[in-house]
Amino acid sequence: MIAIGIKGSLGPLHRSMIALGAKQVPFAMSLALNTLAKGVAADQIKLIDETFSTPTPFTERAYRIQVATKASQIAVVTAKDIQAQYLEPYVVGGRRSLGSKRGMLAPRGVGLNQYGNLTKGKLASLKGKRGVFIGPIKTKAGKVINGVWQRPVAAKRPRGARSSGAQPRAGLKLLIQFKDTTEVPKRLPFEQRARAHLDRHAPQVFTQALRRALATARR
């Protein structure tokens, strides 16, 4: 879990406490914190777009906000569970998360979607196809490759030709290779980006929140 401590510019807030009254201060604080949290979340989405060439909409919807209230002066921006699992190595470093997969899926002989990924359910559909199997194959060079393979198909004989027994076959086709997880090649500077956003916007946001709280305060 990544936590970010925030110390904003609270000078305007302190100077306005008497004018607003103690009851309005928590309201102003919650307004400011929630505005800043929304800004941080939006900026993190921009960071994802800058880091990955074609992020999926699911990845772009990674962040959620726990809003601050007058009773709880804390706003939290965090990644949802599934997205957090595979984004965390890009934030703190380390190897790619495999989740429940037996290995990284490296497509070799199948089409990909617009985001460069396997389509949903592709692996399951391949398992049910005739001539397709999953397992390790040892190459002529002695290398063992584990993945999804398509068995060779018997070559077609010309019409009218007589069978001479064994028919020539094409070689095995590797559809998807299972690879060991690797170190991630990129980083998501989540904390640094969040702090930079807060440093730029906190004073203005707090000031605006105070003005709104003052405007809605009962006279």
C-alpha atoms as a PDB file:
ATOM      1  CA  MET A   1       0.000   0.000   0.000  1.00  0.00           C
ATOM      2  CA  ILE A   2       1.291   3.456  -0.876  1.00  0.00           C
ATOM      3  CA  ALA A   3       0.372   6.276   1.492  1.00  0.00           C
ATOM      4  CA  ILE A   4       0.915   9.952   0.847  1.00  0.00           C
ATOM      5  CA  GLY A   5       1.131  12.449   3.702  1.00  0.00           C
ATOM      6  CA  ILE A   6      -0.105  15.909   2.709  1.00  0.00           C
ATOM      7  CA  LYS A   7       0.754  19.171   4.387  1.00  0.00           C
ATOM      8  CA  GLY A   8      -0.987  21.903   2.461  1.00  0.00           C
ATOM      9  CA  SER A   9      -0.735  25.659   2.728  1.00  0.00           C
ATOM     10  CA  LEU A  10      -3.152  26.219   5.588  1.00  0.00           C
ATOM     11  CA  GLY A  11      -2.368  29.878   6.237  1.00  0.00           C
ATOM     12  CA  PRO A  12      -5.582  31.166   4.630  1.00  0.00           C
ATOM     13  CA  LEU A  13      -7.590  28.597   6.546  1.00  0.00           C
ATOM     14  CA  HIS A  14      -6.164  29.634   9.903  1.00  0.00           C
ATOM     15  CA  ARG A  15      -6.742  33.311   9.217  1.00  0.00           C
ATOM     16  CA  SER A  16     -10.357  32.663   8.277  1.00  0.00           C
ATOM     17  CA  MET A  17     -11.308  30.402  11.187  1.00  0.00           C
ATOM     18  CA  ILE A  18     -12.674  33.253  13.269  1.00  0.00           C
ATOM     19  CA  ALA A  19     -14.682  34.690  10.380  1.00  0.00           C
ATOM     20  CA  LEU A  20     -16.133  31.355   9.379  1.00  0.00           C
ATOM     21  CA  GLY A  21     -16.726  29.917  12.784  1.00  0.00           C
ATOM     22  CA  ALA A  22     -15.560  26.514  13.963  1.00  0.00           C
ATOM     23  CA  LYS A  23     -18.514  24.686  12.363  1.00  0.00           C
ATOM     24  CA  GLN A  24     -17.614  25.798   8.830  1.00  0.00           C
ATOM     25  CA  VAL A  25     -13.956  24.848   8.970  1.00  0.00           C
ATOM     26  CA  PRO A  26     -14.525  21.070   8.547  1.00  0.00           C
ATOM     27  CA  PHE A  27     -16.810  21.787   5.591  1.00  0.00           C
ATOM     28  CA  ALA A  28     -14.146  23.918   3.914  1.00  0.00           C
ATOM     29  CA  MET A  29     -11.503  21.288   4.569  1.00  0.00           C
ATOM     30  CA  SER A  30     -13.614  18.466   3.101  1.00  0.00           C
ATOM     31  CA  LEU A  31     -14.366  20.543  -0.001  1.00  0.00           C
ATOM     32  CA  ALA A  32     -10.690  21.259  -0.587  1.00  0.00           C
ATOM     33  CA  LEU A  33      -9.522  17.694   0.057  1.00  0.00           C
ATOM     34  CA  ASN A  34     -12.100  16.179  -2.295  1.00  0.00           C
ATOM     35  CA  THR A  35     -11.259  18.643  -5.055  1.00  0.00           C
ATOM     36  CA  LEU A  36      -7.573  17.823  -4.692  1.00  0.00           C
ATOM     37  CA  ALA A  37      -8.287  14.073  -4.627  1.00  0.00           C
ATOM     38  CA  LYS A  38     -10.248  14.299  -7.893  1.00  0.00           C
ATOM     39  CA  GLY A  39      -7.394  16.244  -9.434  1.00  0.00           C
ATOM     40  CA  VAL A  40      -4.827  13.673  -8.317  1.00  0.00           C
ATOM     41  CA  ALA A  41      -6.934  10.806  -9.713  1.00  0.00           C
ATOM     42  CA  ALA A  42      -7.356  12.562 -13.070  1.00  0.00           C
ATOM     43  CA  ASP A  43      -3.627  13.284 -13.234  1.00  0.00           C
ATOM     44  CA  GLN A  44      -2.826   9.640 -12.497  1.00  0.00           C
ATOM     45  CA  ILE A  45      -4.928   8.620 -15.500  1.00  0.00           C
ATOM     46  CA  LYS A  46      -2.875  11.008 -17.625  1.00  0.00           C
ATOM     47  CA  LEU A  47       0.249   9.365 -16.228  1.00  0.00           C
ATOM     48  CA  ILE A  48      -1.026   5.943 -17.298  1.00  0.00           C
ATOM     49  CA  ASP A  49      -1.678   7.275 -20.812  1.00  0.00           C
ATOM     50  CA  GLU A  50       1.847   8.708 -20.920  1.00  0.00           C
ATOM     51  CA  THR A  51       3.452   5.485 -19.670  1.00  0.00           C
ATOM     52  CA  PHE A  52       1.613   2.858 -21.715  1.00  0.00           C
ATOM     53  CA  SER A  53       1.186   3.144 -25.469  1.00  0.00           C
ATOM     54  CA  THR A  54      -2.346   1.705 -25.618  1.00  0.00           C
ATOM     55  CA  PRO A  55      -3.822   1.348 -22.107  1.00  0.00           C
ATOM     56  CA  THR A  56      -7.195  -0.370 -21.931  1.00  0.00           C
ATOM     57  CA  PRO A  57     -10.261   1.466 -20.606  1.00  0.00           C
ATOM     58  CA  PHE A  58     -10.182  -0.969 -17.660  1.00  0.00           C
ATOM     59  CA  THR A  59      -6.691   0.235 -16.743  1.00  0.00           C
ATOM     60  CA  GLU A  60      -7.713   3.876 -17.189  1.00  0.00           C
ATOM     61  CA  ARG A  61     -10.499   3.280 -14.657  1.00  0.00           C
ATOM     62  CA  ALA A  62      -7.976   2.036 -12.096  1.00  0.00           C
ATOM     63  CA  TYR A  63      -8.380   4.742  -9.472  1.00  0.00           C
ATOM     64  CA  ARG A  64     -11.108   5.369  -6.958  1.00  0.00           C
ATOM     65  CA  ILE A  65     -11.594   8.051  -4.331  1.00  0.00           C
ATOM     66  CA  GLN A  66     -12.614   7.729  -0.722  1.00  0.00           C
ATOM     67  CA  VAL A  67     -14.072  11.171  -0.124  1.00  0.00           C
ATOM     68  CA  ALA A  68     -13.489  13.341   2.904  1.00  0.00           C
ATOM     69  CA  THR A  69     -16.413  14.467   5.037  1.00  0.00           C
ATOM     70  CA  LYS A  70     -16.851  17.049   7.755  1.00  0.00           C
ATOM     71  CA  ALA A  71     -16.457  14.229  10.271  1.00  0.00           C
ATOM     72  CA  SER A  72     -13.479  12.611   8.532  1.00  0.00           C
ATOM     73  CA  GLN A  73     -10.896  15.009   7.144  1.00  0.00           C
ATOM     74  CA  ILE A  74      -9.193  12.451   4.930  1.00  0.00           C
ATOM     75  CA  ALA A  75      -9.476  11.885   1.174  1.00  0.00           C
ATOM     76  CA  VAL A  76      -7.806   8.792  -0.267  1.00  0.00           C
ATOM     77  CA  VAL A  77      -6.889   8.037  -3.881  1.00  0.00           C
ATOM     78  CA  THR A  78      -6.151   4.372  -4.413  1.00  0.00           C
ATOM     79  CA  ALA A  79      -6.109   1.799  -7.196  1.00  0.00           C
ATOM     80  CA  LYS A  80      -8.843  -0.825  -7.333  1.00  0.00           C
ATOM     81  CA  ASP A  81      -7.826  -4.339  -6.311  1.00  0.00           C
ATOM     82  CA  ILE A  82      -7.395  -5.969  -9.725  1.00  0.00           C
ATOM     83  CA  GLN A  83      -5.681  -3.022 -11.384  1.00  0.00           C
ATOM     84  CA  ALA A  84      -3.512  -2.478  -8.304  1.00  0.00           C
ATOM     85  CA  GLN A  85      -2.205  -6.028  -8.595  1.00  0.00           C
ATOM     86  CA  TYR A  86      -0.656  -5.498 -12.009  1.00  0.00           C
ATOM     87  CA  LEU A  87       0.136  -1.778 -11.665  1.00  0.00           C
ATOM     88  CA  GLU A  88       2.009  -2.066  -8.366  1.00  0.00           C
ATOM     89  CA  PRO A  89       5.284  -3.356  -9.904  1.00  0.00           C
ATOM     90  CA  TYR A  90       5.283  -0.321 -12.208  1.00  0.00           C
ATOM     91  CA  VAL A  91       5.066   1.916  -9.131  1.00  0.00           C
ATOM     92  CA  VAL A  92       7.460   0.239  -6.694  1.00  0.00           C
ATOM     93  CA  GLY A  93       9.495  -1.910  -9.092  1.00  0.00           C
ATOM     94  CA  GLY A  94       9.790  -5.661  -9.387  1.00  0.00           C
ATOM     95  CA  ARG A  95       8.411  -8.354 -11.618  1.00  0.00           C
ATOM     96  CA  ARG A  96       5.154  -8.302 -13.509  1.00  0.00           C
ATOM     97  CA  SER A  97       2.229  -9.772 -11.647  1.00  0.00           C
ATOM     98  CA  LEU A  98       0.924 -13.052 -13.079  1.00  0.00           C
ATOM     99  CA  GLY A  99      -2.235 -13.115 -11.002  1.00  0.00           C
ATOM    100  CA  SER A 100      -3.810 -16.548 -11.471  1.00  0.00           C
ATOM    101  CA  LYS A 101      -1.999 -17.220 -14.763  1.00  0.00           C
ATOM    102  CA  ARG A 102       0.578 -19.994 -15.045  1.00  0.00           C
ATOM    103  CA  GLY A 103       2.889 -17.661 -16.922  1.00  0.00           C
ATOM    104  CA  MET A 104       3.025 -14.519 -19.027  1.00  0.00           C
ATOM    105  CA  LEU A 105       0.974 -14.965 -22.175  1.00  0.00           C
ATOM    106  CA  ALA A 106       3.074 -14.020 -25.191  1.00  0.00           C
ATOM    107  CA  PRO A 107       0.949 -14.293 -28.358  1.00  0.00           C
ATOM    108  CA  ARG A 108       2.818 -15.664 -31.355  1.00  0.00           C
ATOM    109  CA  GLY A 109       0.300 -16.924 -33.876  1.00  0.00           C
ATOM    110  CA  VAL A 110      -3.034 -15.361 -32.901  1.00  0.00           C
ATOM    111  CA  GLY A 111      -4.630 -11.997 -33.543  1.00  0.00           C
ATOM    112  CA  LEU A 112      -4.696  -9.252 -30.923  1.00  0.00           C
ATOM    113  CA  ASN A 113      -7.225  -6.568 -30.107  1.00  0.00           C
ATOM    114  CA  GLN A 114      -6.718  -2.827 -30.598  1.00  0.00           C
ATOM    115  CA  TYR A 115      -4.826  -2.610 -27.311  1.00  0.00           C
ATOM    116  CA  GLY A 116      -2.294  -5.266 -28.306  1.00  0.00           C
ATOM    117  CA  ASN A 117      -3.763  -7.884 -25.986  1.00  0.00           C
ATOM    118  CA  LEU A 118      -5.472 -11.228 -26.411  1.00  0.00           C
ATOM    119  CA  THR A 119      -9.221 -10.878 -26.748  1.00  0.00           C
ATOM    120  CA  LYS A 120     -11.302 -11.930 -23.764  1.00  0.00           C
ATOM    121  CA  GLY A 121     -11.894 -15.657 -23.727  1.00  0.00           C
ATOM    122  CA  LYS A 122      -9.360 -16.320 -26.495  1.00  0.00           C
ATOM    123  CA  LEU A 123      -7.357 -18.831 -24.489  1.00  0.00           C
ATOM    124  CA  ALA A 124     -10.497 -20.716 -23.478  1.00  0.00           C
ATOM    125  CA  SER A 125     -11.738 -20.827 -27.069  1.00  0.00           C
ATOM    126  CA  LEU A 126      -8.404 -22.176 -28.298  1.00  0.00           C
ATOM    127  CA  LYS A 127      -8.511 -24.980 -25.745  1.00  0.00           C
ATOM    128  CA  GLY A 128     -11.697 -26.268 -27.319  1.00  0.00           C
ATOM    129  CA  LYS A 129     -10.393 -26.309 -30.875  1.00  0.00           C
ATOM    130  CA  ARG A 130      -9.454 -29.522 -32.582  1.00  0.00           C
ATOM    131  CA  GLY A 131      -5.730 -29.971 -33.010  1.00  0.00           C
ATOM    132  CA  VAL A 132      -4.838 -27.440 -30.308  1.00  0.00           C
ATOM    133  CA  PHE A 133      -3.102 -28.496 -27.098  1.00  0.00           C
ATOM    134  CA  ILE A 134      -1.298 -26.889 -24.163  1.00  0.00           C
ATOM    135  CA  GLY A 135       2.064 -28.083 -22.946  1.00  0.00           C
ATOM    136  CA  PRO A 136       5.836 -28.034 -23.362  1.00  0.00           C
ATOM    137  CA  ILE A 137       7.576 -28.882 -26.640  1.00  0.00           C
ATOM    138  CA  LYS A 138      11.275 -29.548 -27.019  1.00  0.00           C
ATOM    139  CA  THR A 139      12.732 -28.005 -30.164  1.00  0.00           C
ATOM    140  CA  LYS A 140      15.451 -29.509 -32.332  1.00  0.00           C
ATOM    141  CA  ALA A 141      17.875 -27.142 -30.647  1.00  0.00           C
ATOM    142  CA  GLY A 142      16.979 -28.647 -27.284  1.00  0.00           C
ATOM    143  CA  LYS A 143      14.999 -25.641 -26.021  1.00  0.00           C
ATOM    144  CA  VAL A 144      11.765 -26.362 -24.170  1.00  0.00           C
ATOM    145  CA  ILE A 145       8.903 -24.004 -25.014  1.00  0.00           C
ATOM    146  CA  ASN A 146       5.705 -24.152 -23.000  1.00  0.00           C
ATOM    147  CA  GLY A 147       2.549 -22.766 -24.522  1.00  0.00           C
ATOM    148  CA  VAL A 148      -0.505 -23.281 -26.692  1.00  0.00           C
ATOM    149  CA  TRP A 149       0.254 -25.247 -29.847  1.00  0.00           C
ATOM    150  CA  GLN A 150      -1.603 -26.192 -32.985  1.00  0.00           C
ATOM    151  CA  ARG A 151      -0.863 -29.657 -34.269  1.00  0.00           C
ATOM    152  CA  PRO A 152       0.286 -30.093 -37.862  1.00  0.00           C
ATOM    153  CA  VAL A 153      -2.422 -30.547 -40.449  1.00  0.00           C
ATOM    154  CA  ALA A 154      -2.180 -33.236 -43.086  1.00  0.00           C
ATOM    155  CA  ALA A 155      -1.274 -31.777 -46.460  1.00  0.00           C
ATOM    156  CA  LYS A 156      -4.049 -31.983 -49.039  1.00  0.00           C
ATOM    157  CA  ARG A 157      -3.583 -34.374 -51.936  1.00  0.00           C
ATOM    158  CA  PRO A 158      -4.398 -33.191 -55.430  1.00  0.00           C
ATOM    159  CA  ARG A 159      -7.808 -34.335 -56.590  1.00  0.00           C
ATOM    160  CA  GLY A 160      -7.586 -37.847 -57.989  1.00  0.00           C
ATOM    161  CA  ALA A 161      -4.151 -38.559 -56.529  1.00  0.00           C
ATOM    162  CA  ARG A 162      -3.716 -41.885 -54.763  1.00  0.00           C
ATOM    163  CA  SER A 163      -2.544 -42.115 -51.173  1.00  0.00           C
ATOM    164  CA  SER A 164       0.981 -43.419 -50.693  1.00  0.00           C
ATOM    165  CA  GLY A 165       0.615 -44.024 -46.958  1.00  0.00           C
ATOM    166  CA  ALA A 166       2.118 -41.416 -44.670  1.00  0.00           C
ATOM    167  CA  GLN A 167       1.297 -37.871 -45.667  1.00  0.00           C
ATOM    168  CA  PRO A 168       3.606 -34.876 -45.244  1.00  0.00           C
ATOM    169  CA  ARG A 169       2.670 -32.577 -42.382  1.00  0.00           C
ATOM    170  CA  ALA A 170       3.418 -28.971 -41.610  1.00  0.00           C
ATOM    171  CA  GLY A 171       5.300 -28.255 -38.360  1.00  0.00           C
ATOM    172  CA  LEU A 172       3.723 -27.408 -35.031  1.00  0.00           C
ATOM    173  CA  LYS A 173       2.525 -23.835 -34.794  1.00  0.00           C
ATOM    174  CA  LEU A 174       3.068 -21.903 -31.569  1.00  0.00           C
ATOM    175  CA  LEU A 175      -0.041 -19.817 -30.890  1.00  0.00           C
ATOM    176  CA  ILE A 176       0.704 -18.494 -27.394  1.00  0.00           C
ATOM    177  CA  GLN A 177       3.908 -18.908 -25.426  1.00  0.00           C
ATOM    178  CA  PHE A 178       3.970 -19.127 -21.634  1.00  0.00           C
ATOM    179  CA  LYS A 179       6.941 -17.148 -20.360  1.00  0.00           C
ATOM    180  CA  ASP A 180       8.369 -16.479 -16.933  1.00  0.00           C
ATOM    181  CA  THR A 181       7.518 -13.134 -15.414  1.00  0.00           C
ATOM    182  CA  THR A 182      10.037 -10.365 -16.021  1.00  0.00           C
ATOM    183  CA  GLU A 183      11.085  -7.077 -14.492  1.00  0.00           C
ATOM    184  CA  VAL A 184       8.822  -4.273 -15.619  1.00  0.00           C
ATOM    185  CA  PRO A 185      10.458  -1.934 -18.163  1.00  0.00           C
ATOM    186  CA  LYS A 186       8.626   1.208 -17.049  1.00  0.00           C
ATOM    187  CA  ARG A 187       7.762   3.044 -13.853  1.00  0.00           C
ATOM    188  CA  LEU A 188       4.697   4.924 -12.684  1.00  0.00           C
ATOM    189  CA  PRO A 189       5.904   7.695 -10.332  1.00  0.00           C
ATOM    190  CA  PHE A 190       2.581   7.691  -8.486  1.00  0.00           C
ATOM    191  CA  GLU A 191       3.724   9.473  -5.336  1.00  0.00           C
ATOM    192  CA  GLN A 192       5.925  12.039  -7.073  1.00  0.00           C
ATOM    193  CA  ARG A 193       3.165  12.925  -9.516  1.00  0.00           C
ATOM    194  CA  ALA A 194       0.592  13.233  -6.737  1.00  0.00           C
ATOM    195  CA  ARG A 195       2.837  15.470  -4.648  1.00  0.00           C
ATOM    196  CA  ALA A 196       3.577  17.692  -7.637  1.00  0.00           C
ATOM    197  CA  HIS A 197      -0.158  18.121  -8.273  1.00  0.00           C
ATOM    198  CA  LEU A 198      -0.778  19.017  -4.641  1.00  0.00           C
ATOM    199  CA  ASP A 199       2.088  21.502  -4.540  1.00  0.00           C
ATOM    200  CA  ARG A 200       0.706  23.272  -7.623  1.00  0.00           C
ATOM    201  CA  HIS A 201      -2.958  23.365  -6.688  1.00  0.00           C
ATOM    202  CA  ALA A 202      -3.385  23.105  -2.900  1.00  0.00           C
ATOM    203  CA  PRO A 203      -3.161  26.842  -2.034  1.00  0.00           C
ATOM    204  CA  GLN A 204      -5.672  27.860  -4.701  1.00  0.00           C
ATOM    205  CA  VAL A 205      -8.062  25.000  -3.913  1.00  0.00           C
ATOM    206  CA  PHE A 206      -8.037  25.760  -0.176  1.00  0.00           C
ATOM    207  CA  THR A 207      -8.700  29.424  -0.863  1.00  0.00           C
ATOM    208  CA  GLN A 208     -11.639  28.617  -3.136  1.00  0.00           C
ATOM    209  CA  ALA A 209     -13.047  26.170  -0.578  1.00  0.00           C
ATOM    210  CA  LEU A 210     -12.867  28.838   2.120  1.00  0.00           C
ATOM    211  CA  ARG A 211     -14.690  31.328  -0.060  1.00  0.00           C
ATOM    212  CA  ARG A 212     -17.447  28.814  -0.765  1.00  0.00           C
ATOM    213  CA  ALA A 213     -17.740  27.902   2.908  1.00  0.00           C
ATOM    214  CA  LEU A 214     -17.929  31.599   3.811  1.00  0.00           C
ATOM    215  CA  ALA A 215     -20.604  32.201   1.171  1.00  0.00           C
ATOM    216  CA  THR A 216     -22.765  29.352   2.472  1.00  0.00           C
ATOM    217  CA  ALA A 217     -22.247  30.083   6.185  1.00  0.00           C
ATOM    218  CA  ARG A 218     -25.365  31.030   8.077  1.00  0.00           C
ATOM    219  CA  ARG A 219     -25.387  34.647   9.182  1.00  0.00           C
END
